[in-house]
Amino acid sequence: MRKLLIILFLLFTAKSGFTQNKGMDSLLARLPIINGKLIYQDSINIPGQNVSKLDSMVKRWFYNNFQYRCFLPQKGKDTLHNLLGQGIMEFSDFNRHQIVKYHYYLVMTIQINCRDNSYSYKISDMGLVLKNKFLNSAVMRPATPEYIIDLYKHKKHYWWTTGFTSNGLKDYLANMNRLALNTVASLKKAMANQ
């Protein structure tokens, strides 16, 4: 009887581990990963709009969408109607497996190029920073989506080496993805509401 209970426990544990990995695998399959980096990009046509109007709409959206933001220096000759900046969003750790709720800044680089009748966007270089400076140096948390993906793909026993379960890693990645998709949706909505 004791052996049967041990075998059943091991089978249940293996099945739940497989289910967790399946959820992470399906999330990874939906993410826009280009050359190992998580990058959200697209070109959108808006017929009948000139570059100056699109540029002013983009800048208004950037100011209204991010509580904290900064512009980055641009190189090249055609930078007049292009936006390159970092948007910073606040969010809390929605990880259902943690006792402590952490508060973060999610930083993302945003590049938007405006042309007559169209614009293109690229959101990349996402990273997490804990809001509390002490906790930021004392608590290990995944900093970038690429780190999370690498940790999941290449370390079989990440729980023992980092303290993260596959569900915990999936939650961090899903939250970053959700915020990036919300940013894209708000940009598209702002540009559609001329």
Protein backbone atom coordinates (compact mmCIF):
# COMPACT_ATOMS: atom_id res chain seq x y z
CA MET A 1 0.00 0.00 0.00
CA ARG A 2 2.81 2.36 0.89
CA LYS A 3 4.53 1.74 -2.45
CA LEU A 4 1.27 2.40 -4.28
CA LEU A 5 0.86 5.76 -2.50
CA ILE A 6 4.43 6.75 -3.38
CA ILE A 7 3.91 5.79 -7.03
CA LEU A 8 0.63 7.73 -7.18
CA PHE A 9 2.31 10.77 -5.60
CA LEU A 10 5.16 10.64 -8.11
CA LEU A 11 2.72 10.28 -11.02
CA PHE A 12 0.66 13.25 -9.79
CA THR A 13 3.80 15.37 -9.35
CA ALA A 14 5.04 14.46 -12.85
CA LYS A 15 1.62 15.25 -14.36
CA SER A 16 1.40 18.66 -12.64
CA GLY A 17 4.95 19.50 -13.76
CA PHE A 18 4.01 18.58 -17.33
CA THR A 19 0.89 20.76 -17.14
CA GLN A 20 2.93 23.72 -15.87
CA ASN A 21 5.46 23.29 -18.67
CA LYS A 22 2.65 22.97 -21.22
CA GLY A 23 1.25 26.35 -20.10
CA MET A 24 4.66 27.99 -20.40
CA ASP A 25 5.25 26.36 -23.80
CA SER A 26 1.93 27.68 -25.14
CA LEU A 27 2.79 31.19 -23.86
CA LEU A 28 6.22 31.03 -25.52
CA ALA A 29 4.60 29.94 -28.80
CA ARG A 30 2.44 33.10 -28.80
CA LEU A 31 5.24 35.57 -28.01
CA PRO A 32 6.87 37.60 -30.83
CA ILE A 33 10.44 36.42 -30.32
CA ILE A 34 12.87 37.64 -32.98
CA ASN A 35 16.50 36.47 -32.80
CA GLY A 36 16.07 35.56 -29.14
CA LYS A 37 14.56 38.93 -28.14
CA LEU A 38 10.96 39.77 -27.32
CA ILE A 39 9.97 42.45 -29.85
CA TYR A 40 6.50 43.77 -30.62
CA GLN A 41 6.44 45.49 -34.01
CA ASP A 42 4.11 46.29 -36.85
CA SER A 43 3.35 48.81 -39.59
CA ILE A 44 -0.10 50.37 -39.65
CA ASN A 45 -1.66 52.19 -42.63
CA ILE A 46 -3.82 55.23 -41.93
CA PRO A 47 -4.94 56.59 -45.31
CA GLY A 48 -5.32 60.34 -45.65
CA GLN A 49 -3.08 61.33 -42.73
CA ASN A 50 0.04 63.40 -43.20
CA VAL A 51 3.25 62.78 -41.31
CA SER A 52 2.98 65.91 -39.12
CA LYS A 53 -0.46 64.98 -37.79
CA LEU A 54 0.60 61.39 -37.11
CA ASP A 55 3.73 62.64 -35.34
CA SER A 56 1.75 64.93 -33.04
CA MET A 57 -0.70 62.10 -32.27
CA VAL A 58 2.19 59.78 -31.37
CA LYS A 59 3.78 62.33 -29.05
CA ARG A 60 0.45 63.05 -27.34
CA TRP A 61 -0.10 59.31 -26.85
CA PHE A 62 3.42 58.90 -25.41
CA TYR A 63 2.83 61.68 -22.86
CA ASN A 64 -0.62 60.43 -21.90
CA ASN A 65 0.17 56.71 -21.76
CA PHE A 66 3.24 56.71 -19.50
CA GLN A 67 3.40 58.30 -16.08
CA TYR A 68 7.20 58.23 -16.36
CA ARG A 69 8.92 58.62 -19.71
CA CYS A 70 12.07 59.89 -21.33
CA PHE A 71 13.22 60.53 -24.85
CA LEU A 72 16.37 58.84 -26.10
CA PRO A 73 18.85 60.42 -28.52
CA GLN A 74 18.32 59.40 -32.13
CA LYS A 75 20.95 58.96 -34.80
CA GLY A 76 20.52 59.43 -38.51
CA LYS A 77 19.28 62.12 -40.79
CA ASP A 78 15.54 61.35 -40.84
CA THR A 79 14.60 61.68 -37.16
CA LEU A 80 12.17 64.61 -37.35
CA HIS A 81 8.97 62.55 -37.23
CA ASN A 82 10.29 59.61 -35.25
CA LEU A 83 9.91 58.94 -31.55
CA LEU A 84 12.49 56.98 -29.59
CA GLY A 85 11.96 56.81 -25.87
CA GLN A 86 11.52 54.72 -22.79
CA GLY A 87 8.14 54.32 -21.19
CA ILE A 88 7.94 53.29 -17.57
CA MET A 89 4.85 51.65 -16.06
CA GLU A 90 4.09 50.63 -12.51
CA PHE A 91 2.61 47.26 -11.67
CA SER A 92 2.44 44.79 -8.81
CA ASP A 93 3.56 41.20 -8.76
CA PHE A 94 0.46 39.21 -9.64
CA ASN A 95 2.28 35.94 -9.06
CA ARG A 96 -0.25 33.71 -7.33
CA HIS A 97 2.52 31.57 -5.85
CA GLN A 98 4.23 34.26 -3.78
CA ILE A 99 3.33 35.36 -0.27
CA VAL A 100 4.83 38.84 -0.65
CA LYS A 101 3.49 41.19 -3.33
CA TYR A 102 6.28 43.20 -4.98
CA HIS A 103 5.81 46.52 -6.75
CA TYR A 104 7.73 47.07 -9.97
CA TYR A 105 8.57 49.49 -12.70
CA LEU A 106 8.41 47.93 -16.15
CA VAL A 107 10.69 49.82 -18.53
CA MET A 108 10.28 49.41 -22.28
CA THR A 109 11.97 51.03 -25.26
CA ILE A 110 9.50 52.38 -27.80
CA GLN A 111 10.36 53.44 -31.32
CA ILE A 112 7.66 54.90 -33.57
CA ASN A 113 8.37 56.09 -37.11
CA CYS A 114 5.75 58.25 -38.83
CA ARG A 115 5.33 58.58 -42.58
CA ASP A 116 2.54 59.99 -44.72
CA ASN A 117 -0.43 57.61 -44.41
CA SER A 118 1.32 55.15 -42.06
CA TYR A 119 3.36 54.60 -38.92
CA SER A 120 5.41 51.73 -37.57
CA TYR A 121 6.15 50.82 -33.97
CA LYS A 122 8.66 48.66 -32.18
CA ILE A 123 8.56 47.83 -28.47
CA SER A 124 11.65 46.07 -27.16
CA ASP A 125 14.26 45.94 -24.39
CA MET A 126 11.73 45.37 -21.62
CA GLY A 127 12.98 45.07 -18.07
CA LEU A 128 11.73 44.96 -14.49
CA VAL A 129 13.03 47.05 -11.61
CA LEU A 130 11.63 46.79 -8.09
CA LYS A 131 10.33 50.14 -6.83
CA ASN A 132 11.93 49.65 -3.41
CA LYS A 133 15.68 50.30 -3.75
CA PHE A 134 16.57 48.03 -0.81
CA LEU A 135 14.49 45.15 -2.17
CA ASN A 136 15.90 45.77 -5.64
CA SER A 137 19.36 44.91 -4.35
CA ALA A 138 18.30 42.21 -1.87
CA VAL A 139 15.65 40.21 -3.73
CA MET A 140 16.42 38.23 -6.86
CA ARG A 141 13.72 38.63 -9.49
CA PRO A 142 13.73 38.00 -13.23
CA ALA A 143 14.78 41.27 -14.86
CA THR A 144 14.04 40.72 -18.56
CA PRO A 145 11.77 38.44 -20.58
CA GLU A 146 14.83 37.05 -22.35
CA TYR A 147 16.29 36.02 -18.97
CA ILE A 148 13.03 34.26 -18.04
CA ILE A 149 12.87 32.43 -21.38
CA ASP A 150 16.52 31.40 -21.13
CA LEU A 151 16.06 30.23 -17.55
CA TYR A 152 13.03 28.16 -18.52
CA LYS A 153 14.59 26.63 -21.64
CA HIS A 154 18.08 25.81 -20.36
CA LYS A 155 17.85 25.07 -16.66
CA LYS A 156 16.06 21.89 -15.73
CA HIS A 157 16.02 22.64 -12.01
CA TYR A 158 15.45 26.40 -11.84
CA TRP A 159 13.50 26.00 -8.59
CA TRP A 160 16.59 24.79 -6.76
CA THR A 161 18.95 27.32 -8.31
CA THR A 162 16.74 30.46 -8.28
CA GLY A 163 13.64 29.76 -6.19
CA PHE A 164 11.25 30.13 -9.14
CA THR A 165 8.76 27.52 -10.22
CA SER A 166 7.77 27.20 -13.86
CA ASN A 167 4.40 28.77 -12.91
CA GLY A 168 6.22 31.68 -11.28
CA LEU A 169 8.33 32.25 -14.39
CA LYS A 170 5.21 31.97 -16.56
CA ASP A 171 3.42 34.59 -14.43
CA TYR A 172 6.27 37.09 -14.79
CA LEU A 173 6.42 36.56 -18.55
CA ALA A 174 2.63 36.69 -18.94
CA ASN A 175 2.47 39.99 -17.02
CA MET A 176 5.19 41.56 -19.19
CA ASN A 177 3.40 40.33 -22.30
CA ARG A 178 0.06 41.68 -21.05
CA LEU A 179 1.51 45.14 -20.41
CA ALA A 180 3.23 45.24 -23.81
CA LEU A 181 0.01 44.19 -25.58
CA ASN A 182 -1.94 46.81 -23.62
CA THR A 183 0.59 49.43 -24.75
CA VAL A 184 0.19 48.38 -28.40
CA ALA A 185 -3.61 48.44 -28.07
CA SER A 186 -3.60 51.92 -26.55
CA LEU A 187 -1.29 53.20 -29.32
CA LYS A 188 -3.56 51.78 -32.03
CA LYS A 189 -6.64 53.22 -30.34
CA ALA A 190 -5.05 56.67 -30.00
CA MET A 191 -3.96 56.67 -33.62
CA ALA A 192 -7.37 55.48 -34.85
CA ASN A 193 -9.18 58.26 -32.93
CA GLN A 194 -8.08 61.13 -35.13
